[in-house]
Amino acid sequence: MTLKTTVSKRWQTAVPAEICKKYGIKAGQKIAWLDLGSIISIIPVPADPIKTFRGSSKGMLKSLLFERKNEREKERGRK
């Protein structure tokens, strides 16, 4: 999807309604601008980032512990 907006003389622009609806962006919400070199990404910043990401790392922790266990076993086999 490509949507275009115009930058005003005061360096302001509007977020298209379709984008706001799709990503749940509300009036007064902060957004982060990421300069990735040749492109710019805009990311909505949740009001409570901790609450937003709470519980999302459970699988990641299990995976990390599993990988660490495998690494230790490999090291033991080399000695």
Protein backbone atom coordinates (compact mmCIF):
# COMPACT_ATOMS: atom_id res chain seq x y z
CA MET A 1 0.00 0.00 0.00
CA THR A 2 1.39 3.39 -0.93
CA LEU A 3 -0.17 6.51 0.54
CA LYS A 4 1.14 10.02 0.06
CA THR A 5 0.92 13.10 2.28
CA THR A 6 2.37 16.59 1.99
CA VAL A 7 4.84 18.22 4.38
CA SER A 8 3.78 21.72 5.42
CA LYS A 9 5.99 24.82 5.67
CA ARG A 10 6.30 24.01 9.40
CA TRP A 11 7.59 20.48 8.61
CA GLN A 12 4.32 18.83 9.63
CA THR A 13 2.43 16.04 7.92
CA ALA A 14 -0.74 14.04 8.59
CA VAL A 15 -0.96 10.31 9.11
CA PRO A 16 -3.48 8.90 6.61
CA ALA A 17 -6.74 7.68 8.17
CA GLU A 18 -6.28 4.20 6.68
CA ILE A 19 -2.93 3.84 8.46
CA CYS A 20 -4.36 5.12 11.77
CA LYS A 21 -7.22 2.62 11.60
CA LYS A 22 -5.00 -0.29 10.58
CA TYR A 23 -2.42 0.29 13.34
CA GLY A 24 -4.69 1.75 16.02
CA ILE A 25 -2.98 5.14 16.10
CA LYS A 26 -4.91 7.64 18.21
CA ALA A 27 -4.71 11.44 18.45
CA GLY A 28 -1.88 12.51 20.74
CA GLN A 29 -0.05 9.18 20.43
CA LYS A 30 3.69 9.35 19.89
CA ILE A 31 5.37 7.86 16.83
CA ALA A 32 9.05 7.09 16.30
CA TRP A 33 10.88 8.01 13.10
CA LEU A 34 13.64 5.57 12.16
CA ASP A 35 16.26 6.75 9.66
CA LEU A 36 17.48 3.56 7.99
CA GLY A 37 19.81 5.23 5.52
CA SER A 38 17.90 5.15 2.26
CA ILE A 39 14.40 4.85 3.78
CA ILE A 40 12.46 6.21 6.77
CA SER A 41 10.18 4.01 8.88
CA ILE A 42 7.52 5.37 11.20
CA ILE A 43 6.56 3.23 14.19
CA PRO A 44 3.70 3.88 16.63
CA VAL A 45 4.98 4.05 20.21
CA PRO A 46 2.59 2.36 22.65
CA ALA A 47 1.50 4.43 25.67
CA ASP A 48 2.83 1.67 27.95
CA PRO A 49 5.60 -0.21 26.10
CA ILE A 50 6.25 -2.56 29.03
CA LYS A 51 2.62 -3.65 29.14
CA THR A 52 2.57 -4.08 25.37
CA PHE A 53 5.55 -6.44 25.33
CA ARG A 54 4.80 -8.25 28.61
CA GLY A 55 4.63 -11.99 27.97
CA SER A 56 6.00 -11.76 24.43
CA SER A 57 9.41 -13.08 25.47
CA LYS A 58 8.29 -16.37 27.07
CA GLY A 59 9.07 -18.42 23.98
CA MET A 60 12.28 -16.49 23.43
CA LEU A 61 13.53 -17.34 26.94
CA LYS A 62 12.84 -21.05 26.47
CA SER A 63 14.63 -20.99 23.12
CA LEU A 64 17.62 -19.15 24.60
CA LEU A 65 17.93 -21.60 27.50
CA PHE A 66 17.69 -24.55 25.10
CA GLU A 67 20.45 -23.13 22.90
CA ARG A 68 22.68 -22.43 25.92
CA LYS A 69 22.21 -26.03 27.10
CA ASN A 70 23.19 -27.33 23.65
CA GLU A 71 26.30 -25.11 23.61
CA ARG A 72 27.41 -26.40 27.03
CA GLU A 73 26.96 -30.00 25.89
CA LYS A 74 29.04 -29.35 22.76
CA GLU A 75 31.79 -27.75 24.84
CA ARG A 76 31.86 -30.76 27.18
CA GLY A 77 32.20 -33.09 24.18
CA ARG A 78 35.24 -31.18 22.87
CA LYS A 79 37.21 -31.50 26.11
